[in-house]
Amino acid sequence: MSDNLRGSLFMIAAMLGFAIEDSLFKAATAGISPGLGTFFFGLTGLVIYAALVRRSGLPVWTRGYLGRTMLIRSAFEVMGRLFFALALAYAPLSVTSSILQAAPLVVTLCAALILGERVGAGRWIAMAVGFAGVLLILRPSLDGIELSALYGLLGMIGFACRDVATRASPPEISAMQLGIPGFLTVTLAGLVILAFEPGLPAMPTPRAALLILATGLTGVLAYTALTRAMRTGEVSVVAPFRYSRLLFALILAFLVFGERPDALTLVGAALIVVSGLYTLVRSGAGSGQMPRTRLSERASGKERRP
């Protein structure tokens, strides 16, 4: 089996895992508040990753977590997790997952506007098409945008900005160690949601507690598979399989929650996926390496001087 095939299979497994994670969390919110569910989900992942990092011989805590880039990454992680958790709790899974697929387009936009990457006319057009797909799903009107769908949009923006910051994260922090601040911020996002929930949260039902535990375990497995995928095959071959998450999410939304997305939602999702695939093809990722940026060069101490 070639590295590209093995990497692609890891990516598909990761996307299936993330789709199952989202479904488990949404099901759990029937017996637990979104804030408490997010808190316990983050705590579960944090404990698991701490054990894995400790077992690998790496330090669980490093001062690198407090660096400027890592703090920016953590702030956007909190934003993404906070609003995505609310979206999973209150919006249809099919809508939330469709909006999430626009994250690579926002990453490209931020890379061009903030990190100074060069983006050609074709990719700008692709981003415009993708954002048109998002508007088809959100369907803003004179009455505004449905609040639950807006949660998904804000969560997607948070995740995209987190990914941009991840590109510039210190190279001495391993991918496994990144899981520590990642799940710590999920825990903090749960506390933020709890602070705005009315009254004291009720203790989760046994079923909800088991679902949250399963959510944490599935999330760790999916993240591990994603890391293996990106380190096994070429980026240009492996990355497009990220969009299999939407297919899995639509199937689970239909089978588990009885959702039936309308035609406009499906057209919008198709526009997002097609534009995202075009962006990946035109990004020049065939070298298997993410493009370096001014911020990433600065983080690694290799910024070129004029």
C-alpha atoms as a PDB file:
ATOM      1  CA  MET A   1       0.000   0.000   0.000  1.00  0.00           C
ATOM      2  CA  SER A   2       1.427   3.379  -1.029  1.00  0.00           C
ATOM      3  CA  ASP A   3       1.900   6.245   1.413  1.00  0.00           C
ATOM      4  CA  ASN A   4      -0.678   8.330  -0.453  1.00  0.00           C
ATOM      5  CA  LEU A   5      -3.298   5.593  -0.250  1.00  0.00           C
ATOM      6  CA  ARG A   6      -2.552   4.980   3.419  1.00  0.00           C
ATOM      7  CA  GLY A   7      -2.680   8.728   4.137  1.00  0.00           C
ATOM      8  CA  SER A   8      -5.986   9.053   2.291  1.00  0.00           C
ATOM      9  CA  LEU A   9      -7.493   6.204   4.319  1.00  0.00           C
ATOM     10  CA  PHE A  10      -6.307   7.855   7.544  1.00  0.00           C
ATOM     11  CA  MET A  11      -7.942  11.122   6.417  1.00  0.00           C
ATOM     12  CA  ILE A  12     -11.240   9.397   5.635  1.00  0.00           C
ATOM     13  CA  ALA A  13     -11.122   7.649   9.019  1.00  0.00           C
ATOM     14  CA  ALA A  14     -10.433  11.002  10.712  1.00  0.00           C
ATOM     15  CA  MET A  15     -13.367  12.691   8.981  1.00  0.00           C
ATOM     16  CA  LEU A  16     -15.662   9.806   9.887  1.00  0.00           C
ATOM     17  CA  GLY A  17     -14.474  10.139  13.477  1.00  0.00           C
ATOM     18  CA  PHE A  18     -15.154  13.888  13.562  1.00  0.00           C
ATOM     19  CA  ALA A  19     -18.630  13.382  12.070  1.00  0.00           C
ATOM     20  CA  ILE A  20     -19.396  10.760  14.727  1.00  0.00           C
ATOM     21  CA  GLU A  21     -17.986  13.081  17.413  1.00  0.00           C
ATOM     22  CA  ASP A  22     -20.360  15.870  16.295  1.00  0.00           C
ATOM     23  CA  SER A  23     -23.318  13.475  16.273  1.00  0.00           C
ATOM     24  CA  LEU A  24     -22.501  12.142  19.743  1.00  0.00           C
ATOM     25  CA  PHE A  25     -22.202  15.668  21.153  1.00  0.00           C
ATOM     26  CA  LYS A  26     -25.493  16.748  19.571  1.00  0.00           C
ATOM     27  CA  ALA A  27     -27.219  13.662  20.978  1.00  0.00           C
ATOM     28  CA  ALA A  28     -25.693  14.310  24.413  1.00  0.00           C
ATOM     29  CA  THR A  29     -27.144  17.835  24.573  1.00  0.00           C
ATOM     30  CA  ALA A  30     -30.591  16.267  24.947  1.00  0.00           C
ATOM     31  CA  GLY A  31     -29.577  15.347  28.508  1.00  0.00           C
ATOM     32  CA  ILE A  32     -26.902  17.920  29.324  1.00  0.00           C
ATOM     33  CA  SER A  33     -26.494  21.661  28.768  1.00  0.00           C
ATOM     34  CA  PRO A  34     -24.136  22.760  25.941  1.00  0.00           C
ATOM     35  CA  GLY A  35     -21.825  24.425  28.462  1.00  0.00           C
ATOM     36  CA  LEU A  36     -21.518  21.413  30.741  1.00  0.00           C
ATOM     37  CA  GLY A  37     -21.198  19.096  27.751  1.00  0.00           C
ATOM     38  CA  THR A  38     -18.381  21.188  26.258  1.00  0.00           C
ATOM     39  CA  PHE A  39     -16.637  21.349  29.643  1.00  0.00           C
ATOM     40  CA  PHE A  40     -16.697  17.568  30.199  1.00  0.00           C
ATOM     41  CA  PHE A  41     -15.764  16.909  26.563  1.00  0.00           C
ATOM     42  CA  GLY A  42     -12.702  19.157  26.882  1.00  0.00           C
ATOM     43  CA  LEU A  43     -11.752  17.654  30.225  1.00  0.00           C
ATOM     44  CA  THR A  44     -11.977  14.117  28.814  1.00  0.00           C
ATOM     45  CA  GLY A  45      -9.762  14.957  25.842  1.00  0.00           C
ATOM     46  CA  LEU A  46      -7.320  16.857  28.045  1.00  0.00           C
ATOM     47  CA  VAL A  47      -6.829  13.879  30.385  1.00  0.00           C
ATOM     48  CA  ILE A  48      -6.380  11.473  27.467  1.00  0.00           C
ATOM     49  CA  TYR A  49      -3.870  13.693  25.668  1.00  0.00           C
ATOM     50  CA  ALA A  50      -1.940  14.382  28.872  1.00  0.00           C
ATOM     51  CA  ALA A  51      -1.583  10.614  29.366  1.00  0.00           C
ATOM     52  CA  LEU A  52      -0.480  10.107  25.746  1.00  0.00           C
ATOM     53  CA  VAL A  53       2.067  12.932  25.881  1.00  0.00           C
ATOM     54  CA  ARG A  54       3.423  11.669  29.195  1.00  0.00           C
ATOM     55  CA  ARG A  55       3.715   8.148  27.796  1.00  0.00           C
ATOM     56  CA  SER A  56       5.671   9.429  24.795  1.00  0.00           C
ATOM     57  CA  GLY A  57       8.228  11.008  27.125  1.00  0.00           C
ATOM     58  CA  LEU A  58       7.379  14.606  26.203  1.00  0.00           C
ATOM     59  CA  PRO A  59       6.549  17.261  28.813  1.00  0.00           C
ATOM     60  CA  VAL A  60       2.838  17.806  29.383  1.00  0.00           C
ATOM     61  CA  TRP A  61       3.437  21.490  30.064  1.00  0.00           C
ATOM     62  CA  THR A  62       5.887  23.743  28.246  1.00  0.00           C
ATOM     63  CA  ARG A  63       6.420  27.498  28.322  1.00  0.00           C
ATOM     64  CA  GLY A  64       5.875  27.441  24.572  1.00  0.00           C
ATOM     65  CA  TYR A  65       2.131  27.236  25.247  1.00  0.00           C
ATOM     66  CA  LEU A  66       2.318  30.814  26.571  1.00  0.00           C
ATOM     67  CA  GLY A  67       3.989  32.245  23.470  1.00  0.00           C
ATOM     68  CA  ARG A  68       2.186  34.971  21.566  1.00  0.00           C
ATOM     69  CA  THR A  69       1.274  32.786  18.600  1.00  0.00           C
ATOM     70  CA  MET A  70       0.022  29.965  20.825  1.00  0.00           C
ATOM     71  CA  LEU A  71      -2.100  32.357  22.885  1.00  0.00           C
ATOM     72  CA  ILE A  72      -3.650  33.735  19.686  1.00  0.00           C
ATOM     73  CA  ARG A  73      -4.283  30.166  18.539  1.00  0.00           C
ATOM     74  CA  SER A  74      -5.905  29.308  21.870  1.00  0.00           C
ATOM     75  CA  ALA A  75      -8.142  32.384  21.750  1.00  0.00           C
ATOM     76  CA  PHE A  76      -9.493  31.407  18.340  1.00  0.00           C
ATOM     77  CA  GLU A  77      -9.833  27.799  19.526  1.00  0.00           C
ATOM     78  CA  VAL A  78     -12.080  29.037  22.350  1.00  0.00           C
ATOM     79  CA  MET A  79     -14.141  31.034  19.861  1.00  0.00           C
ATOM     80  CA  GLY A  80     -14.468  28.084  17.476  1.00  0.00           C
ATOM     81  CA  ARG A  81     -15.332  25.533  20.150  1.00  0.00           C
ATOM     82  CA  LEU A  82     -17.751  27.855  21.942  1.00  0.00           C
ATOM     83  CA  PHE A  83     -19.887  28.723  18.930  1.00  0.00           C
ATOM     84  CA  PHE A  84     -19.569  25.305  17.269  1.00  0.00           C
ATOM     85  CA  ALA A  85     -20.850  23.649  20.449  1.00  0.00           C
ATOM     86  CA  LEU A  86     -23.851  26.011  20.461  1.00  0.00           C
ATOM     87  CA  ALA A  87     -24.437  25.295  16.773  1.00  0.00           C
ATOM     88  CA  LEU A  88     -24.380  21.530  17.346  1.00  0.00           C
ATOM     89  CA  ALA A  89     -26.832  21.929  20.221  1.00  0.00           C
ATOM     90  CA  TYR A  90     -29.342  24.199  18.488  1.00  0.00           C
ATOM     91  CA  ALA A  91     -28.856  23.957  14.701  1.00  0.00           C
ATOM     92  CA  PRO A  92     -29.364  20.990  12.358  1.00  0.00           C
ATOM     93  CA  LEU A  93     -26.219  18.872  12.029  1.00  0.00           C
ATOM     94  CA  SER A  94     -26.418  19.071   8.231  1.00  0.00           C
ATOM     95  CA  VAL A  95     -26.376  22.900   8.292  1.00  0.00           C
ATOM     96  CA  THR A  96     -23.555  23.138  10.855  1.00  0.00           C
ATOM     97  CA  SER A  97     -21.366  20.637   9.016  1.00  0.00           C
ATOM     98  CA  SER A  98     -21.983  22.312   5.655  1.00  0.00           C
ATOM     99  CA  ILE A  99     -20.912  25.725   6.976  1.00  0.00           C
ATOM    100  CA  LEU A 100     -17.817  24.174   8.560  1.00  0.00           C
ATOM    101  CA  GLN A 101     -16.581  23.097   5.117  1.00  0.00           C
ATOM    102  CA  ALA A 102     -15.913  26.762   4.283  1.00  0.00           C
ATOM    103  CA  ALA A 103     -13.060  26.876   6.829  1.00  0.00           C
ATOM    104  CA  PRO A 104     -10.296  26.191   4.214  1.00  0.00           C
ATOM    105  CA  LEU A 105     -11.584  29.158   2.192  1.00  0.00           C
ATOM    106  CA  VAL A 106     -11.350  31.441   5.232  1.00  0.00           C
ATOM    107  CA  VAL A 107      -7.851  30.065   5.929  1.00  0.00           C
ATOM    108  CA  THR A 108      -6.823  31.045   2.392  1.00  0.00           C
ATOM    109  CA  LEU A 109      -8.385  34.497   2.816  1.00  0.00           C
ATOM    110  CA  CYS A 110      -6.572  35.087   6.122  1.00  0.00           C
ATOM    111  CA  ALA A 111      -3.316  33.777   4.681  1.00  0.00           C
ATOM    112  CA  ALA A 112      -3.580  36.335   1.887  1.00  0.00           C
ATOM    113  CA  LEU A 113      -4.693  39.316   3.968  1.00  0.00           C
ATOM    114  CA  ILE A 114      -2.737  38.700   7.184  1.00  0.00           C
ATOM    115  CA  LEU A 115       0.178  36.386   6.424  1.00  0.00           C
ATOM    116  CA  GLY A 116       1.074  37.791   3.031  1.00  0.00           C
ATOM    117  CA  GLU A 117       0.621  34.651   0.914  1.00  0.00           C
ATOM    118  CA  ARG A 118       0.078  35.164  -2.794  1.00  0.00           C
ATOM    119  CA  VAL A 119      -3.404  34.251  -4.011  1.00  0.00           C
ATOM    120  CA  GLY A 120      -4.213  34.265  -7.718  1.00  0.00           C
ATOM    121  CA  ALA A 121      -7.406  35.461  -9.399  1.00  0.00           C
ATOM    122  CA  GLY A 122      -8.744  31.922  -9.732  1.00  0.00           C
ATOM    123  CA  ARG A 123      -8.564  31.297  -5.986  1.00  0.00           C
ATOM    124  CA  TRP A 124     -10.225  34.651  -5.231  1.00  0.00           C
ATOM    125  CA  ILE A 125     -13.087  33.621  -7.544  1.00  0.00           C
ATOM    126  CA  ALA A 126     -13.256  30.219  -5.846  1.00  0.00           C
ATOM    127  CA  MET A 127     -13.515  31.909  -2.441  1.00  0.00           C
ATOM    128  CA  ALA A 128     -16.339  34.121  -3.720  1.00  0.00           C
ATOM    129  CA  VAL A 129     -18.197  31.048  -4.997  1.00  0.00           C
ATOM    130  CA  GLY A 130     -17.670  29.271  -1.677  1.00  0.00           C
ATOM    131  CA  PHE A 131     -18.976  32.212   0.325  1.00  0.00           C
ATOM    132  CA  ALA A 132     -21.987  32.360  -2.009  1.00  0.00           C
ATOM    133  CA  GLY A 133     -22.604  28.760  -0.966  1.00  0.00           C
ATOM    134  CA  VAL A 134     -22.474  29.821   2.688  1.00  0.00           C
ATOM    135  CA  LEU A 135     -25.069  32.530   1.976  1.00  0.00           C
ATOM    136  CA  LEU A 136     -27.336  29.944   0.332  1.00  0.00           C
ATOM    137  CA  ILE A 137     -27.222  27.937   3.553  1.00  0.00           C
ATOM    138  CA  LEU A 138     -27.635  30.932   5.876  1.00  0.00           C
ATOM    139  CA  ARG A 139     -30.215  32.675   3.666  1.00  0.00           C
ATOM    140  CA  PRO A 140     -30.037  36.101   5.319  1.00  0.00           C
ATOM    141  CA  SER A 141     -33.217  38.168   5.042  1.00  0.00           C
ATOM    142  CA  LEU A 142     -34.556  41.492   6.263  1.00  0.00           C
ATOM    143  CA  ASP A 143     -35.329  39.713   9.527  1.00  0.00           C
ATOM    144  CA  GLY A 144     -31.652  38.768   9.909  1.00  0.00           C
ATOM    145  CA  ILE A 145     -29.934  35.378  10.055  1.00  0.00           C
ATOM    146  CA  GLU A 146     -31.190  32.447  12.088  1.00  0.00           C
ATOM    147  CA  LEU A 147     -29.208  32.649  15.337  1.00  0.00           C
ATOM    148  CA  SER A 148     -28.416  28.919  15.443  1.00  0.00           C
ATOM    149  CA  ALA A 149     -26.925  29.081  11.920  1.00  0.00           C
ATOM    150  CA  LEU A 150     -24.949  32.182  12.905  1.00  0.00           C
ATOM    151  CA  TYR A 151     -23.365  30.111  15.706  1.00  0.00           C
ATOM    152  CA  GLY A 152     -22.052  27.729  13.046  1.00  0.00           C
ATOM    153  CA  LEU A 153     -20.640  30.606  10.986  1.00  0.00           C
ATOM    154  CA  LEU A 154     -18.815  32.120  13.977  1.00  0.00           C
ATOM    155  CA  GLY A 155     -17.511  28.689  14.991  1.00  0.00           C
ATOM    156  CA  MET A 156     -16.172  28.097  11.490  1.00  0.00           C
ATOM    157  CA  ILE A 157     -14.385  31.485  11.494  1.00  0.00           C
ATOM    158  CA  GLY A 158     -12.822  30.645  14.874  1.00  0.00           C
ATOM    159  CA  PHE A 159     -11.548  27.274  13.620  1.00  0.00           C
ATOM    160  CA  ALA A 160     -10.184  28.806  10.409  1.00  0.00           C
ATOM    161  CA  CYS A 161      -8.252  31.506  12.287  1.00  0.00           C
ATOM    162  CA  ARG A 162      -6.966  28.820  14.659  1.00  0.00           C
ATOM    163  CA  ASP A 163      -5.638  26.865  11.672  1.00  0.00           C
ATOM    164  CA  VAL A 164      -3.852  29.969  10.377  1.00  0.00           C
ATOM    165  CA  ALA A 165      -2.209  30.422  13.778  1.00  0.00           C
ATOM    166  CA  THR A 166      -1.319  26.710  13.837  1.00  0.00           C
ATOM    167  CA  ARG A 167       0.806  27.213  10.718  1.00  0.00           C
ATOM    168  CA  ALA A 168       2.951  29.602  12.728  1.00  0.00           C
ATOM    169  CA  SER A 169       3.061  27.559  15.947  1.00  0.00           C
ATOM    170  CA  PRO A 170       6.560  26.896  17.337  1.00  0.00           C
ATOM    171  CA  PRO A 171       8.124  23.853  15.640  1.00  0.00           C
ATOM    172  CA  GLU A 172       9.447  22.551  18.967  1.00  0.00           C
ATOM    173  CA  ILE A 173       5.854  21.833  20.075  1.00  0.00           C
ATOM    174  CA  SER A 174       4.887  18.452  18.650  1.00  0.00           C
ATOM    175  CA  ALA A 175       1.510  17.705  17.065  1.00  0.00           C
ATOM    176  CA  MET A 176       0.611  15.548  20.067  1.00  0.00           C
ATOM    177  CA  GLN A 177       1.508  18.335  22.490  1.00  0.00           C
ATOM    178  CA  LEU A 178      -0.774  20.706  20.558  1.00  0.00           C
ATOM    179  CA  GLY A 179      -3.644  18.557  21.817  1.00  0.00           C
ATOM    180  CA  ILE A 180      -2.971  19.768  25.378  1.00  0.00           C
ATOM    181  CA  PRO A 181      -3.716  23.493  24.871  1.00  0.00           C
ATOM    182  CA  GLY A 182      -6.339  22.483  22.298  1.00  0.00           C
ATOM    183  CA  PHE A 183      -8.496  20.516  24.733  1.00  0.00           C
ATOM    184  CA  LEU A 184      -7.681  22.938  27.554  1.00  0.00           C
ATOM    185  CA  THR A 185      -9.304  25.698  25.524  1.00  0.00           C
ATOM    186  CA  VAL A 186     -12.311  23.431  24.877  1.00  0.00           C
ATOM    187  CA  THR A 187     -12.663  23.133  28.668  1.00  0.00           C
ATOM    188  CA  LEU A 188     -12.429  26.922  29.010  1.00  0.00           C
ATOM    189  CA  ALA A 189     -15.027  27.369  26.252  1.00  0.00           C
ATOM    190  CA  GLY A 190     -17.371  25.164  28.278  1.00  0.00           C
ATOM    191  CA  LEU A 191     -16.884  27.409  31.313  1.00  0.00           C
ATOM    192  CA  VAL A 192     -17.647  30.505  29.201  1.00  0.00           C
ATOM    193  CA  ILE A 193     -20.898  28.951  27.949  1.00  0.00           C
ATOM    194  CA  LEU A 194     -21.803  27.905  31.504  1.00  0.00           C
ATOM    195  CA  ALA A 195     -21.324  31.481  32.701  1.00  0.00           C
ATOM    196  CA  PHE A 196     -24.098  32.643  30.348  1.00  0.00           C
ATOM    197  CA  GLU A 197     -26.491  29.749  30.903  1.00  0.00           C
ATOM    198  CA  PRO A 198     -29.383  30.616  33.248  1.00  0.00           C
ATOM    199  CA  GLY A 199     -29.328  29.035  36.705  1.00  0.00           C
ATOM    200  CA  LEU A 200     -27.206  26.179  37.935  1.00  0.00           C
ATOM    201  CA  PRO A 201     -26.630  23.399  35.386  1.00  0.00           C
ATOM    202  CA  ALA A 202     -28.354  20.118  36.081  1.00  0.00           C
ATOM    203  CA  MET A 203     -26.144  17.075  36.422  1.00  0.00           C
ATOM    204  CA  PRO A 204     -26.012  15.062  33.209  1.00  0.00           C
ATOM    205  CA  THR A 205     -28.120  11.966  32.844  1.00  0.00           C
ATOM    206  CA  PRO A 206     -26.177   8.670  32.768  1.00  0.00           C
ATOM    207  CA  ARG A 207     -26.852   8.432  29.027  1.00  0.00           C
ATOM    208  CA  ALA A 208     -25.550  11.958  28.403  1.00  0.00           C
ATOM    209  CA  ALA A 209     -22.441  11.277  30.523  1.00  0.00           C
ATOM    210  CA  LEU A 210     -21.649   8.157  28.483  1.00  0.00           C
ATOM    211  CA  LEU A 211     -22.207  10.063  25.231  1.00  0.00           C
ATOM    212  CA  ILE A 212     -19.830  12.844  26.327  1.00  0.00           C
ATOM    213  CA  LEU A 213     -17.196  10.260  27.290  1.00  0.00           C
ATOM    214  CA  ALA A 214     -17.616   8.633  23.881  1.00  0.00           C
ATOM    215  CA  THR A 215     -17.358  12.092  22.268  1.00  0.00           C
ATOM    216  CA  GLY A 216     -13.986  12.700  23.933  1.00  0.00           C
ATOM    217  CA  LEU A 217     -12.611   9.279  22.989  1.00  0.00           C
ATOM    218  CA  THR A 218     -13.803   9.626  19.395  1.00  0.00           C
ATOM    219  CA  GLY A 219     -12.344  13.131  19.146  1.00  0.00           C
ATOM    220  CA  VAL A 220      -8.912  11.950  20.267  1.00  0.00           C
ATOM    221  CA  LEU A 221      -8.953   9.035  17.812  1.00  0.00           C
ATOM    222  CA  ALA A 222     -10.050  11.306  14.971  1.00  0.00           C
ATOM    223  CA  TYR A 223      -7.360  13.895  15.749  1.00  0.00           C
ATOM    224  CA  THR A 224      -4.719  11.150  15.881  1.00  0.00           C
ATOM    225  CA  ALA A 225      -5.861   9.794  12.507  1.00  0.00           C
ATOM    226  CA  LEU A 226      -5.768  13.316  11.064  1.00  0.00           C
ATOM    227  CA  THR A 227      -2.184  13.791  12.248  1.00  0.00           C
ATOM    228  CA  ARG A 228      -1.173  10.433  10.750  1.00  0.00           C
ATOM    229  CA  ALA A 229      -2.861  11.359   7.465  1.00  0.00           C
ATOM    230  CA  MET A 230      -1.031  14.662   7.107  1.00  0.00           C
ATOM    231  CA  ARG A 231       2.309  13.032   7.925  1.00  0.00           C
ATOM    232  CA  THR A 232       1.897   9.955   5.702  1.00  0.00           C
ATOM    233  CA  GLY A 233       0.777  11.087   2.256  1.00  0.00           C
ATOM    234  CA  GLU A 234       1.287  14.159   0.096  1.00  0.00           C
ATOM    235  CA  VAL A 235      -0.857  17.111   1.170  1.00  0.00           C
ATOM    236  CA  SER A 236      -2.275  17.615  -2.335  1.00  0.00           C
ATOM    237  CA  VAL A 237      -3.485  13.986  -2.389  1.00  0.00           C
ATOM    238  CA  VAL A 238      -4.670  13.645   1.203  1.00  0.00           C
ATOM    239  CA  ALA A 239      -6.225  17.054   1.949  1.00  0.00           C
ATOM    240  CA  PRO A 240      -9.207  16.838  -0.481  1.00  0.00           C
ATOM    241  CA  PHE A 241     -10.541  13.869   1.496  1.00  0.00           C
ATOM    242  CA  ARG A 242     -11.368  16.342   4.295  1.00  0.00           C
ATOM    243  CA  TYR A 243     -14.626  16.953   2.477  1.00  0.00           C
ATOM    244  CA  SER A 244     -15.749  13.374   3.114  1.00  0.00           C
ATOM    245  CA  ARG A 245     -16.722  14.732   6.561  1.00  0.00           C
ATOM    246  CA  LEU A 246     -19.704  16.479   4.985  1.00  0.00           C
ATOM    247  CA  LEU A 247     -20.904  13.253   3.352  1.00  0.00           C
ATOM    248  CA  PHE A 248     -20.628  11.371   6.646  1.00  0.00           C
ATOM    249  CA  ALA A 249     -22.381  14.215   8.488  1.00  0.00           C
ATOM    250  CA  LEU A 250     -25.288  14.283   6.021  1.00  0.00           C
ATOM    251  CA  ILE A 251     -25.728  10.513   6.339  1.00  0.00           C
ATOM    252  CA  LEU A 252     -25.655  10.642  10.158  1.00  0.00           C
ATOM    253  CA  ALA A 253     -27.979  13.666  10.197  1.00  0.00           C
ATOM    254  CA  PHE A 254     -30.497  11.667   8.165  1.00  0.00           C
ATOM    255  CA  LEU A 255     -30.143   8.340   9.999  1.00  0.00           C
ATOM    256  CA  VAL A 256     -29.793   9.590  13.588  1.00  0.00           C
ATOM    257  CA  PHE A 257     -31.681  12.897  13.679  1.00  0.00           C
ATOM    258  CA  GLY A 258     -34.081  12.491  10.762  1.00  0.00           C
ATOM    259  CA  GLU A 259     -32.823  15.657   9.040  1.00  0.00           C
ATOM    260  CA  ARG A 260     -33.632  16.221   5.384  1.00  0.00           C
ATOM    261  CA  PRO A 261     -31.688  19.224   4.031  1.00  0.00           C
ATOM    262  CA  ASP A 262     -33.559  21.208   1.397  1.00  0.00           C
ATOM    263  CA  ALA A 263     -32.283  21.814  -2.132  1.00  0.00           C
ATOM    264  CA  LEU A 264     -30.716  25.216  -1.374  1.00  0.00           C
ATOM    265  CA  THR A 265     -28.699  23.776   1.520  1.00  0.00           C
ATOM    266  CA  LEU A 266     -27.404  20.946  -0.673  1.00  0.00           C
ATOM    267  CA  VAL A 267     -26.546  23.362  -3.518  1.00  0.00           C
ATOM    268  CA  GLY A 268     -24.748  25.639  -1.061  1.00  0.00           C
ATOM    269  CA  ALA A 269     -22.798  22.704   0.367  1.00  0.00           C
ATOM    270  CA  ALA A 270     -21.838  21.598  -3.160  1.00  0.00           C
ATOM    271  CA  LEU A 271     -20.566  25.095  -4.018  1.00  0.00           C
ATOM    272  CA  ILE A 272     -18.461  25.174  -0.851  1.00  0.00           C
ATOM    273  CA  VAL A 273     -16.927  21.756  -1.546  1.00  0.00           C
ATOM    274  CA  VAL A 274     -16.196  22.448  -5.225  1.00  0.00           C
ATOM    275  CA  SER A 275     -14.614  25.824  -4.480  1.00  0.00           C
ATOM    276  CA  GLY A 276     -12.594  24.307  -1.639  1.00  0.00           C
ATOM    277  CA  LEU A 277     -11.295  21.505  -3.842  1.00  0.00           C
ATOM    278  CA  TYR A 278     -10.304  24.033  -6.515  1.00  0.00           C
ATOM    279  CA  THR A 279      -8.479  26.090  -3.882  1.00  0.00           C
ATOM    280  CA  LEU A 280      -6.568  23.000  -2.731  1.00  0.00           C
ATOM    281  CA  VAL A 281      -5.591  22.112  -6.298  1.00  0.00           C
ATOM    282  CA  ARG A 282      -4.421  25.666  -7.045  1.00  0.00           C
ATOM    283  CA  SER A 283      -2.585  26.077  -3.742  1.00  0.00           C
ATOM    284  CA  GLY A 284       0.500  24.285  -5.010  1.00  0.00           C
ATOM    285  CA  ALA A 285       0.354  21.770  -2.152  1.00  0.00           C
ATOM    286  CA  GLY A 286       1.776  19.016  -4.303  1.00  0.00           C
ATOM    287  CA  SER A 287       5.140  19.403  -2.658  1.00  0.00           C
ATOM    288  CA  GLY A 288       3.678  17.886   0.486  1.00  0.00           C
ATOM    289  CA  GLN A 289       4.558  20.940   2.592  1.00  0.00           C
ATOM    290  CA  MET A 290       2.459  23.819   3.787  1.00  0.00           C
ATOM    291  CA  PRO A 291       3.624  27.122   2.316  1.00  0.00           C
ATOM    292  CA  ARG A 292       5.769  29.175   4.645  1.00  0.00           C
ATOM    293  CA  THR A 293       4.594  32.625   5.630  1.00  0.00           C
ATOM    294  CA  ARG A 294       6.167  35.643   7.240  1.00  0.00           C
ATOM    295  CA  LEU A 295       4.561  34.706  10.548  1.00  0.00           C
ATOM    296  CA  SER A 296       5.735  31.097  10.428  1.00  0.00           C
ATOM    297  CA  GLU A 297       9.259  32.191   9.503  1.00  0.00           C
ATOM    298  CA  ARG A 298       9.262  34.565  12.452  1.00  0.00           C
ATOM    299  CA  ALA A 299       8.051  31.809  14.811  1.00  0.00           C
ATOM    300  CA  SER A 300      10.843  29.467  13.727  1.00  0.00           C
ATOM    301  CA  GLY A 301      13.517  32.180  13.803  1.00  0.00           C
ATOM    302  CA  LYS A 302      14.114  31.987  10.038  1.00  0.00           C
ATOM    303  CA  GLU A 303      12.572  35.245   8.916  1.00  0.00           C
ATOM    304  CA  ARG A 304      14.557  36.702   6.070  1.00  0.00           C
ATOM    305  CA  ARG A 305      16.006  40.147   6.604  1.00  0.00           C
ATOM    306  CA  PRO A 306      15.985  42.733   3.803  1.00  0.00           C
END
